[in-house]
């Protein structure tokens, strides 16, 4: 089957709209390098469009009706948004779901130490990364420090031009003969990914302690010189012992009011420093950190904002922890989404109805909006060209993901795929289908299989990405904009229920 390049189909107006949306997306990407930052950015945007917080509506027992806009944030790391449609909830929702966490380095709970005049933060990498890609590049520190008095300190250091940046060192090539013979997976060990954060000693000059004078009259001049030098060396070593670390502790307290023990209740993430950039002479691509999966998360949220009158209630889920298996209280495996839908059922119908709730989920249709691997001609051997995604050819549908024999995969039903195809074709949205590389070459997963456990129809649909999981991922602006168009069409026109 022939695929069509999206760029060849756009007129001047569409090209302008494509570029305009890419600029909005780049700002989102730059302001949302962590889950918490993504949530804050999205909440500010949707509240300006009239979205109201679910908890307040529940407390006030507010009756929801067609057109009402509602959102619920969970632990500042996940969010679910609803736009109430005209049809009963038991006929199902049209859901767009994506994740807002990305591979990175996390600071450990007891991280601060000094070694030979350098101060470090000890780290633990998060998600699937090539560890060697995170050394010798400018890094920024983002996150929160929760103090015992109930206050929270927000950190974002390394993004402003006047900010310092941080780095992880690597051995110089002149001495790297042993390292260069290692497998790529072990060239940089996980415990070597420690962040350099300082080098200047903090020394307080004070009076030296008086020492009992010894009778040196019997020593030669050379012996007396040696004794004096030893005393001076000990005094200097005493001054410098832990002085760089001590200086960092002082700075953290002066600048942010953070004590060293506050690291115990901190969530600090180390990410590539700097803004996303247009890529290519033609500015057709965006290079930046975090496309996986914010390149799907942002158009999903915007699609719900821009969708017109809806028959079926529209829903957008943006979750944490996908990169480590969707576990935990803020991952898709938690009950926060299920609980939010239950509250919506109660507010729409005037009371909670378990049967309506279960029918609502089972009859829902979902696009699991997650990225796919873009074909890279430099590494063509791991792709199967007939069933791979290409930059600039529109959003990608993956009928299944998983690994080996489709292990741990959602596998979308043919009838549902046909319904999705019709929605996209009727809206003149170009799309492509793909697998994640050759059979047995590797694999990956998304949140699709988790939502499918409710019995709803789910298929993966996202943007093709080059350099996936690296500090500098790449996407096509055309794929980004076409995904937005497809998501809007899905919310407005999908009407498929299980028979």
Protein backbone atom coordinates (compact mmCIF):
# COMPACT_ATOMS: atom_id res chain seq x y z
CA UNK A 1 0.00 0.00 0.00
CA UNK A 2 1.31 3.43 -0.92
CA UNK A 3 1.74 5.98 1.86
CA UNK A 4 1.29 9.70 1.20
CA UNK A 5 3.63 12.37 2.52
CA UNK A 6 1.59 14.85 4.57
CA UNK A 7 3.66 17.85 3.47
CA UNK A 8 2.60 17.38 -0.16
CA UNK A 9 -1.09 17.77 0.77
CA UNK A 10 -0.96 21.04 2.74
CA UNK A 11 -1.94 24.36 1.23
CA UNK A 12 -0.45 27.65 2.48
CA UNK A 13 -3.08 28.08 5.16
CA UNK A 14 -2.47 24.59 6.53
CA UNK A 15 1.29 25.13 6.47
CA UNK A 16 0.84 28.25 8.59
CA UNK A 17 -1.42 26.42 11.02
CA UNK A 18 1.08 23.58 11.21
CA UNK A 19 3.93 25.96 12.07
CA UNK A 20 1.76 27.86 14.53
CA UNK A 21 0.84 24.71 16.44
CA UNK A 22 4.46 23.57 16.44
CA UNK A 23 5.47 26.81 18.17
CA UNK A 24 2.81 26.28 20.84
CA UNK A 25 4.01 22.73 21.31
CA UNK A 26 7.65 23.79 21.65
CA UNK A 27 6.71 26.18 24.46
CA UNK A 28 4.84 23.37 26.20
CA UNK A 29 7.81 21.04 25.78
CA UNK A 30 10.22 23.61 27.22
CA UNK A 31 7.97 24.36 30.20
CA UNK A 32 7.10 20.73 30.94
CA UNK A 33 10.27 18.71 31.41
CA UNK A 34 8.77 16.87 34.39
CA UNK A 35 5.32 15.43 35.07
CA UNK A 36 4.56 18.10 37.67
CA UNK A 37 5.52 20.89 35.27
CA UNK A 38 3.38 19.36 32.53
CA UNK A 39 0.38 19.22 34.86
CA UNK A 40 0.85 22.84 35.97
CA UNK A 41 1.11 24.02 32.35
CA UNK A 42 -1.97 22.10 31.25
CA UNK A 43 -4.10 23.13 34.24
CA UNK A 44 -3.34 26.80 33.58
CA UNK A 45 -4.36 26.36 29.95
CA UNK A 46 -7.57 24.42 30.52
CA UNK A 47 -8.79 26.58 33.41
CA UNK A 48 -8.53 29.57 31.08
CA UNK A 49 -10.91 27.63 28.79
CA UNK A 50 -13.51 27.08 31.51
CA UNK A 51 -12.54 23.69 32.96
CA UNK A 52 -13.54 23.21 36.61
CA UNK A 53 -12.00 20.99 39.25
CA UNK A 54 -13.90 17.76 39.93
CA UNK A 55 -13.34 17.76 43.70
CA UNK A 56 -15.06 21.13 44.09
CA UNK A 57 -18.01 20.00 41.98
CA UNK A 58 -18.34 16.84 44.07
CA UNK A 59 -18.36 18.82 47.32
CA UNK A 60 -21.02 21.14 45.93
CA UNK A 61 -22.96 18.22 44.37
CA UNK A 62 -23.06 20.13 41.09
CA UNK A 63 -25.23 18.62 38.38
CA UNK A 64 -23.26 18.17 35.15
CA UNK A 65 -24.82 18.71 31.74
CA UNK A 66 -23.87 18.70 28.08
CA UNK A 67 -20.91 20.97 27.38
CA UNK A 68 -19.60 21.09 30.94
CA UNK A 69 -15.82 20.85 31.26
CA UNK A 70 -14.24 19.06 34.21
CA UNK A 71 -10.76 17.98 35.27
CA UNK A 72 -9.18 16.05 38.10
CA UNK A 73 -5.48 16.08 39.07
CA UNK A 74 -3.95 13.24 41.06
CA UNK A 75 -0.86 13.89 43.21
CA UNK A 76 0.23 16.67 40.83
CA UNK A 77 1.47 14.07 38.34
CA UNK A 78 -1.57 12.79 36.44
CA UNK A 79 -4.73 14.40 35.11
CA UNK A 80 -8.02 13.35 33.54
CA UNK A 81 -10.23 15.81 31.65
CA UNK A 82 -13.85 15.46 30.55
CA UNK A 83 -16.12 17.38 28.18
CA UNK A 84 -19.68 16.17 28.73
CA UNK A 85 -21.50 15.05 25.59
CA UNK A 86 -25.19 14.80 24.72
CA UNK A 87 -25.48 11.01 24.82
CA UNK A 88 -25.89 8.99 28.04
CA UNK A 89 -22.63 7.98 29.67
CA UNK A 90 -23.48 4.30 29.43
CA UNK A 91 -22.94 4.56 25.66
CA UNK A 92 -19.26 5.12 26.42
CA UNK A 93 -16.57 7.77 26.25
CA UNK A 94 -14.21 8.77 23.45
CA UNK A 95 -10.84 8.72 25.19
CA UNK A 96 -7.41 10.07 24.30
CA UNK A 97 -4.73 8.71 26.64
CA UNK A 98 -1.03 9.55 26.81
CA UNK A 99 1.79 9.70 29.34
CA UNK A 100 3.79 12.72 30.50
CA UNK A 101 6.83 11.05 32.09
CA UNK A 102 10.03 10.65 30.08
CA UNK A 103 13.32 8.76 30.57
CA UNK A 104 15.73 10.71 32.77
CA UNK A 105 17.93 10.51 35.87
CA UNK A 106 16.45 10.74 39.39
CA UNK A 107 18.36 12.01 42.42
CA UNK A 108 18.68 9.41 45.19
CA UNK A 109 17.39 10.08 48.71
CA UNK A 110 20.86 10.33 50.27
CA UNK A 111 22.69 11.81 47.30
CA UNK A 112 25.23 14.44 48.35
CA UNK A 113 28.90 13.51 48.62
CA UNK A 114 32.39 14.79 47.86
CA UNK A 115 35.25 12.94 46.21
CA UNK A 116 38.68 14.50 45.65
CA UNK A 117 37.46 18.07 45.47
CA UNK A 118 34.29 17.51 43.44
CA UNK A 119 30.78 17.56 44.89
CA UNK A 120 28.23 15.13 43.45
CA UNK A 121 24.60 14.11 43.56
CA UNK A 122 24.13 10.34 43.35
CA UNK A 123 21.46 9.27 40.83
CA UNK A 124 19.33 6.36 39.67
CA UNK A 125 18.25 6.34 36.02
CA UNK A 126 14.52 6.21 35.24
CA UNK A 127 13.12 4.32 32.27
CA UNK A 128 14.93 2.81 29.32
CA UNK A 129 17.97 4.88 28.39
CA UNK A 130 21.30 4.43 26.68
CA UNK A 131 23.36 5.55 29.66
CA UNK A 132 26.27 6.79 27.57
CA UNK A 133 24.01 9.43 25.98
CA UNK A 134 23.66 11.33 29.27
CA UNK A 135 27.36 12.04 29.89
CA UNK A 136 29.22 15.24 28.86
CA UNK A 137 26.06 17.20 28.01
CA UNK A 138 24.58 20.19 29.87
CA UNK A 139 22.02 18.99 32.39
CA UNK A 140 19.36 20.78 34.43
CA UNK A 141 17.83 19.97 37.81
CA UNK A 142 14.03 20.11 38.12
CA UNK A 143 11.71 19.03 40.91
CA UNK A 144 10.36 19.63 44.38
CA UNK A 145 11.69 19.37 47.91
CA UNK A 146 9.01 18.75 50.55
CA UNK A 147 9.98 20.05 53.98
CA UNK A 148 8.78 18.78 57.36
CA UNK A 149 6.94 22.04 58.04
CA UNK A 150 4.59 21.28 55.13
CA UNK A 151 6.11 23.75 52.66
CA UNK A 152 7.42 22.72 49.26
CA UNK A 153 10.41 24.20 47.48
CA UNK A 154 10.30 24.14 43.68
CA UNK A 155 13.63 23.83 41.87
CA UNK A 156 14.33 24.57 38.22
CA UNK A 157 18.04 25.18 37.73
CA UNK A 158 19.84 25.09 34.41
CA UNK A 159 17.23 26.37 31.96
CA UNK A 160 17.72 30.15 32.19
CA UNK A 161 20.71 31.56 30.33
CA UNK A 162 22.07 32.94 33.61
CA UNK A 163 21.66 29.62 35.46
CA UNK A 164 24.52 27.23 36.09
CA UNK A 165 24.23 23.81 34.47
CA UNK A 166 25.42 20.44 35.68
CA UNK A 167 27.14 17.51 34.00
CA UNK A 168 28.26 13.90 34.25
CA UNK A 169 31.91 13.33 33.40
CA UNK A 170 33.41 10.72 31.07
CA UNK A 171 36.94 9.41 30.67
CA UNK A 172 39.05 11.19 28.06
CA UNK A 173 39.55 9.23 24.86
CA UNK A 174 43.35 9.16 25.40
CA UNK A 175 42.85 6.85 28.41
CA UNK A 176 39.75 5.02 27.25
CA UNK A 177 41.20 1.94 25.59
CA UNK A 178 39.60 -0.40 28.13
CA UNK A 179 36.29 1.46 28.06
CA UNK A 180 36.14 1.45 24.26
CA UNK A 181 36.31 -2.33 24.26
CA UNK A 182 33.15 -2.69 26.37
CA UNK A 183 29.62 -3.38 25.18
CA UNK A 184 27.50 -0.25 24.75
CA UNK A 185 25.30 -1.34 27.67
CA UNK A 186 28.26 -1.22 30.06
CA UNK A 187 30.40 1.60 28.65
CA UNK A 188 28.82 3.79 31.34
CA UNK A 189 27.64 1.98 34.47
CA UNK A 190 24.48 3.09 36.24
CA UNK A 191 26.39 3.95 39.41
CA UNK A 192 28.72 6.18 37.38
CA UNK A 193 25.89 8.53 36.39
CA UNK A 194 26.61 10.93 39.25
CA UNK A 195 25.99 14.62 38.72
CA UNK A 196 28.87 17.06 39.25
CA UNK A 197 27.48 20.05 41.15
CA UNK A 198 30.50 21.91 42.58
CA UNK A 199 34.24 22.31 43.01
CA UNK A 200 34.90 25.36 45.21
CA UNK A 201 35.87 24.64 48.84
CA UNK A 202 34.14 26.58 51.60
CA UNK A 203 36.79 27.24 54.27
CA UNK A 204 36.44 29.23 57.48
CA UNK A 205 39.76 30.69 58.56
CA UNK A 206 40.31 30.42 62.31
CA UNK A 207 43.04 30.42 64.89
CA UNK A 208 45.13 27.29 64.82
CA UNK A 209 45.08 25.21 67.92
CA UNK A 210 48.16 25.61 70.05
CA UNK A 211 50.23 22.45 70.23
CA UNK A 212 52.61 21.41 72.94
CA UNK A 213 56.05 22.41 71.89
CA UNK A 214 58.43 19.54 71.60
CA UNK A 215 62.13 19.68 72.11
CA UNK A 216 63.40 19.74 68.57
CA UNK A 217 66.92 20.68 69.62
CA UNK A 218 68.15 17.20 68.93
CA UNK A 219 66.71 17.20 65.35
CA UNK A 220 68.70 18.19 62.34
CA UNK A 221 67.60 21.17 60.32
CA UNK A 222 66.24 18.80 57.68
CA UNK A 223 64.27 16.83 60.27
CA UNK A 224 62.87 20.03 61.75
CA UNK A 225 61.80 21.14 58.22
CA UNK A 226 60.06 17.79 57.66
CA UNK A 227 58.15 18.02 60.97
CA UNK A 228 57.02 21.57 60.20
CA UNK A 229 55.86 20.60 56.67
CA UNK A 230 53.90 17.65 58.04
CA UNK A 231 52.07 19.91 60.51
CA UNK A 232 51.20 22.36 57.72
CA UNK A 233 49.94 19.58 55.48
CA UNK A 234 47.70 18.24 58.24
CA UNK A 235 46.31 21.71 58.93
CA UNK A 236 45.58 22.28 55.23
CA UNK A 237 44.02 18.83 54.83
CA UNK A 238 41.85 19.51 57.85
CA UNK A 239 40.60 22.76 56.33
CA UNK A 240 39.78 21.17 52.97
CA UNK A 241 38.23 17.93 54.21
CA UNK A 242 34.62 17.99 52.98
CA UNK A 243 34.87 21.71 52.21
CA UNK A 244 33.32 21.52 48.71
CA UNK A 245 30.39 19.50 50.02
CA UNK A 246 30.11 21.94 52.92
CA UNK A 247 29.91 24.81 50.46
CA UNK A 248 27.07 23.14 48.54
CA UNK A 249 25.15 22.58 51.79
CA UNK A 250 25.54 26.27 52.63
CA UNK A 251 24.40 27.39 49.16
CA UNK A 252 21.32 25.15 49.18
CA UNK A 253 20.29 26.60 52.52
CA UNK A 254 20.98 30.23 51.55
CA UNK A 255 19.33 30.03 48.12
CA UNK A 256 16.41 27.70 48.78
CA UNK A 257 16.14 27.11 52.52
CA UNK A 258 16.93 23.42 51.97
CA UNK A 259 18.69 21.35 54.61
CA UNK A 260 20.60 18.23 53.64
CA UNK A 261 18.04 15.97 55.34
CA UNK A 262 15.35 17.46 53.08
CA UNK A 263 16.70 15.28 50.26
CA UNK A 264 14.90 12.44 52.03
CA UNK A 265 11.55 13.90 50.91
CA UNK A 266 12.57 15.34 47.55
CA UNK A 267 11.70 14.43 43.97
CA UNK A 268 14.48 15.85 41.82
CA UNK A 269 14.86 14.96 38.16
CA UNK A 270 17.93 15.51 35.99
CA UNK A 271 17.08 16.33 32.39
CA UNK A 272 18.89 17.81 29.38
CA UNK A 273 19.25 21.58 29.72
CA UNK A 274 18.07 23.95 27.02
CA UNK A 275 15.11 24.61 24.77
CA UNK A 276 13.69 22.57 21.92
CA UNK A 277 14.75 23.77 18.48
CA UNK A 278 13.60 23.67 14.89
CA UNK A 279 15.67 21.11 12.98
CA UNK A 280 16.68 21.10 9.32
CA UNK A 281 17.25 23.98 6.89
CA UNK A 282 13.54 23.74 6.08
CA UNK A 283 12.55 23.82 9.80
CA UNK A 284 10.37 20.77 9.16
CA UNK A 285 11.28 19.00 12.40
CA UNK A 286 11.53 19.71 16.12
CA UNK A 287 14.53 18.50 18.12
CA UNK A 288 14.16 18.39 21.88
CA UNK A 289 13.89 16.39 25.06
CA UNK A 290 10.66 14.62 26.04
CA UNK A 291 8.81 14.04 22.76
CA UNK A 292 8.06 10.58 24.20
CA UNK A 293 5.31 11.10 25.08
CA UNK A 294 4.55 14.79 25.36
CA UNK A 295 4.29 15.00 21.57
CA UNK A 296 1.09 12.96 21.97
CA UNK A 297 0.03 14.36 25.36
CA UNK A 298 -0.14 17.99 24.28
CA UNK A 299 -2.20 17.53 21.08
CA UNK A 300 -4.49 15.19 23.03
CA UNK A 301 -5.24 17.92 25.58
CA UNK A 302 -5.56 20.61 22.90
CA UNK A 303 -7.88 18.37 20.86
CA UNK A 304 -10.31 18.22 23.78
CA UNK A 305 -10.13 22.01 24.10
CA UNK A 306 -10.77 22.56 20.40
CA UNK A 307 -13.37 19.85 19.78
CA UNK A 308 -16.85 21.15 18.99
CA UNK A 309 -20.18 19.80 20.27
CA UNK A 310 -19.74 16.20 21.31
CA UNK A 311 -22.26 13.39 21.23
CA UNK A 312 -20.18 11.03 23.35
CA UNK A 313 -18.42 12.51 26.34
CA UNK A 314 -14.82 13.33 25.46
CA UNK A 315 -12.01 12.38 27.80
CA UNK A 316 -8.26 12.99 27.91
CA UNK A 317 -6.01 11.04 30.31
CA UNK A 318 -2.39 12.11 30.89
CA UNK A 319 -0.53 9.83 33.28
CA UNK A 320 2.77 9.28 35.02
CA UNK A 321 5.03 6.20 35.32
CA UNK A 322 4.47 4.68 31.86
CA UNK A 323 8.21 4.45 31.31
CA UNK A 324 8.56 2.12 34.31
CA UNK A 325 5.49 -0.06 33.76
CA UNK A 326 2.60 2.29 34.65
CA UNK A 327 2.85 1.26 38.29
CA UNK A 328 2.29 3.30 41.44
CA UNK A 329 -0.44 5.66 42.58
CA UNK A 330 0.01 8.00 39.60
CA UNK A 331 0.43 5.36 36.90
CA UNK A 332 -2.33 4.03 34.66
CA UNK A 333 -2.62 0.89 36.78
CA UNK A 334 -3.88 2.94 39.74
CA UNK A 335 -7.60 3.56 40.27
CA UNK A 336 -7.56 7.34 39.94
CA UNK A 337 -9.08 7.29 36.43
CA UNK A 338 -11.70 4.75 37.43
CA UNK A 339 -12.61 6.82 40.50
CA UNK A 340 -12.92 10.00 38.44
CA UNK A 341 -15.28 8.34 35.95
CA UNK A 342 -17.39 7.06 38.85
CA UNK A 343 -17.69 10.62 40.19
CA UNK A 344 -18.68 11.89 36.74
CA UNK A 345 -21.41 9.24 36.50
CA UNK A 346 -22.79 10.39 39.86
CA UNK A 347 -22.77 14.09 38.93
CA UNK A 348 -24.30 13.57 35.47
CA UNK A 349 -27.05 11.15 36.57
CA UNK A 350 -27.72 12.63 39.98
CA UNK A 351 -26.54 9.49 41.75
CA UNK A 352 -23.96 6.77 41.30
CA UNK A 353 -25.02 3.71 39.33
CA UNK A 354 -22.56 0.79 39.20
CA UNK A 355 -24.12 -0.70 36.07
CA UNK A 356 -23.96 2.62 34.20
CA UNK A 357 -20.34 2.99 35.29
CA UNK A 358 -19.35 -0.44 34.00
CA UNK A 359 -21.24 0.01 30.72
CA UNK A 360 -19.61 3.39 30.29
CA UNK A 361 -16.10 1.93 30.44
CA UNK A 362 -16.87 -1.19 28.41
CA UNK A 363 -18.49 0.82 25.60
CA UNK A 364 -15.73 3.42 25.41
CA UNK A 365 -13.38 3.88 22.48
CA UNK A 366 -9.79 4.90 23.08
CA UNK A 367 -6.71 6.04 21.22
CA UNK A 368 -3.69 5.19 23.32
CA UNK A 369 -1.67 8.17 22.15
CA UNK A 370 1.92 7.01 22.33
CA UNK A 371 4.89 7.44 20.03
CA UNK A 372 6.22 4.93 17.55
CA UNK A 373 9.70 4.36 16.13
CA UNK A 374 10.44 6.32 12.96
CA UNK A 375 12.37 4.56 10.21
CA UNK A 376 16.05 5.49 10.33
CA UNK A 377 17.92 4.75 7.08
CA UNK A 378 21.20 4.56 9.00
CA UNK A 379 19.84 1.58 10.97
CA UNK A 380 17.57 0.05 8.37
CA UNK A 381 18.40 -3.52 9.40
CA UNK A 382 16.15 -3.42 12.49
CA UNK A 383 13.07 -2.22 10.57
CA UNK A 384 10.70 -4.02 8.22
CA UNK A 385 10.02 -1.39 5.56
CA UNK A 386 6.47 -2.40 4.66
CA UNK A 387 5.37 -2.15 8.30
CA UNK A 388 7.26 0.79 9.71
CA UNK A 389 6.56 4.47 10.34
CA UNK A 390 8.19 7.33 8.45
CA UNK A 391 8.65 10.97 9.41
CA UNK A 392 6.16 13.21 7.63
CA UNK A 393 3.62 10.53 6.75
CA UNK A 394 1.10 11.29 9.50
CA UNK A 395 0.16 9.75 12.85
CA UNK A 396 0.91 6.06 13.33
CA UNK A 397 -1.53 3.29 14.25
CA UNK A 398 0.01 0.28 15.96
CA UNK A 399 -2.49 -2.57 16.03
CA UNK A 400 -0.29 -4.25 18.60
CA UNK A 401 2.96 -3.55 20.44
CA UNK A 402 4.64 -5.87 22.92
CA UNK A 403 7.68 -7.99 22.16
CA UNK A 404 8.47 -11.37 20.63
CA UNK A 405 5.06 -13.05 20.14
CA UNK A 406 3.12 -9.83 20.91
CA UNK A 407 3.81 -10.44 24.61
CA UNK A 408 2.08 -7.97 27.01
CA UNK A 409 0.31 -6.26 24.14
CA UNK A 410 -3.11 -4.88 23.44
CA UNK A 411 -4.20 -6.20 20.03
CA UNK A 412 -6.98 -4.07 18.56
CA UNK A 413 -10.02 -5.73 16.97
CA UNK A 414 -10.45 -5.47 13.20
CA UNK A 415 -13.94 -3.97 13.50
CA UNK A 416 -12.66 -1.18 15.69
CA UNK A 417 -9.76 -0.42 13.36
CA UNK A 418 -12.21 -0.15 10.48
CA UNK A 419 -14.27 2.38 12.46
CA UNK A 420 -11.16 4.44 13.25
CA UNK A 421 -10.08 4.35 9.60
CA UNK A 422 -13.46 5.72 8.54
CA UNK A 423 -13.28 8.59 11.03
CA UNK A 424 -9.83 9.60 9.81
CA UNK A 425 -10.63 9.18 6.12
CA UNK A 426 -13.88 11.16 6.42
CA UNK A 427 -11.89 14.00 8.03
CA UNK A 428 -9.14 13.77 5.38
CA UNK A 429 -6.54 12.99 8.04
CA UNK A 430 -3.58 11.09 6.67
CA UNK A 431 -2.22 8.23 8.77
CA UNK A 432 0.11 5.25 8.56
CA UNK A 433 0.35 1.86 10.26
CA UNK A 434 3.44 0.28 11.73
CA UNK A 435 5.09 -2.20 14.05
CA UNK A 436 7.91 -1.34 16.44
CA UNK A 437 10.74 -2.79 14.36
CA UNK A 438 11.31 -6.28 12.98
CA UNK A 439 9.86 -9.30 14.73
CA UNK A 440 12.29 -10.36 17.48
CA UNK A 441 14.35 -7.18 17.06
CA UNK A 442 12.99 -5.76 20.30
CA UNK A 443 9.69 -4.28 21.35
CA UNK A 444 7.89 -1.99 23.75
CA UNK A 445 4.58 -1.28 25.44
CA UNK A 446 2.10 1.49 26.19
CA UNK A 447 -0.90 2.05 28.47
CA UNK A 448 -3.25 0.51 25.89
CA UNK A 449 -3.53 -2.95 27.44
CA UNK A 450 -4.45 -1.49 30.85
CA UNK A 451 -7.52 0.37 29.57
CA UNK A 452 -8.45 -2.60 27.39
CA UNK A 453 -8.97 -4.62 30.58
CA UNK A 454 -12.23 -2.72 31.05
CA UNK A 455 -13.42 -4.30 27.82
CA UNK A 456 -13.21 -1.09 25.81
CA UNK A 457 -11.74 -0.86 22.32
CA UNK A 458 -8.22 0.54 22.28
CA UNK A 459 -5.58 1.09 19.62
CA UNK A 460 -2.21 2.83 19.84
CA UNK A 461 -2.00 6.02 17.82
CA UNK A 462 0.87 8.47 18.04
CA UNK A 463 3.72 10.31 16.40
CA UNK A 464 6.82 8.73 14.85
CA UNK A 465 10.04 9.67 16.67
CA UNK A 466 13.72 9.52 15.73
CA UNK A 467 16.31 9.10 18.51
CA UNK A 468 13.60 7.82 20.88
CA UNK A 469 14.53 7.86 24.60
CA UNK A 470 17.62 9.98 23.93
CA UNK A 471 18.31 13.48 25.30
CA UNK A 472 17.51 14.89 21.83
CA UNK A 473 14.49 13.25 20.17
CA UNK A 474 13.15 14.38 16.77
CA UNK A 475 9.63 14.61 15.34
CA UNK A 476 8.06 16.02 12.18
CA UNK A 477 5.88 19.12 12.53
CA UNK A 478 3.52 17.65 9.95
CA UNK A 479 3.00 14.50 12.03
CA UNK A 480 2.36 16.65 15.12
CA UNK A 481 -0.28 18.78 13.42
CA UNK A 482 -1.92 15.86 11.63
CA UNK A 483 -2.19 14.06 14.97
CA UNK A 484 -4.07 17.03 16.41
CA UNK A 485 -6.48 16.94 13.47
CA UNK A 486 -6.99 13.21 13.88
CA UNK A 487 -7.59 13.46 17.63
CA UNK A 488 -10.25 16.14 17.13
CA UNK A 489 -11.98 14.04 14.47
CA UNK A 490 -11.93 11.03 16.81
CA UNK A 491 -13.50 12.96 19.70
CA UNK A 492 -16.20 14.46 17.51
CA UNK A 493 -17.11 11.53 15.27
CA UNK A 494 -16.18 8.16 16.79
CA UNK A 495 -19.38 6.23 17.55
CA UNK A 496 -18.46 2.59 18.02
CA UNK A 497 -19.76 0.23 20.68
CA UNK A 498 -19.24 -3.45 21.33
CA UNK A 499 -22.14 -5.50 20.04
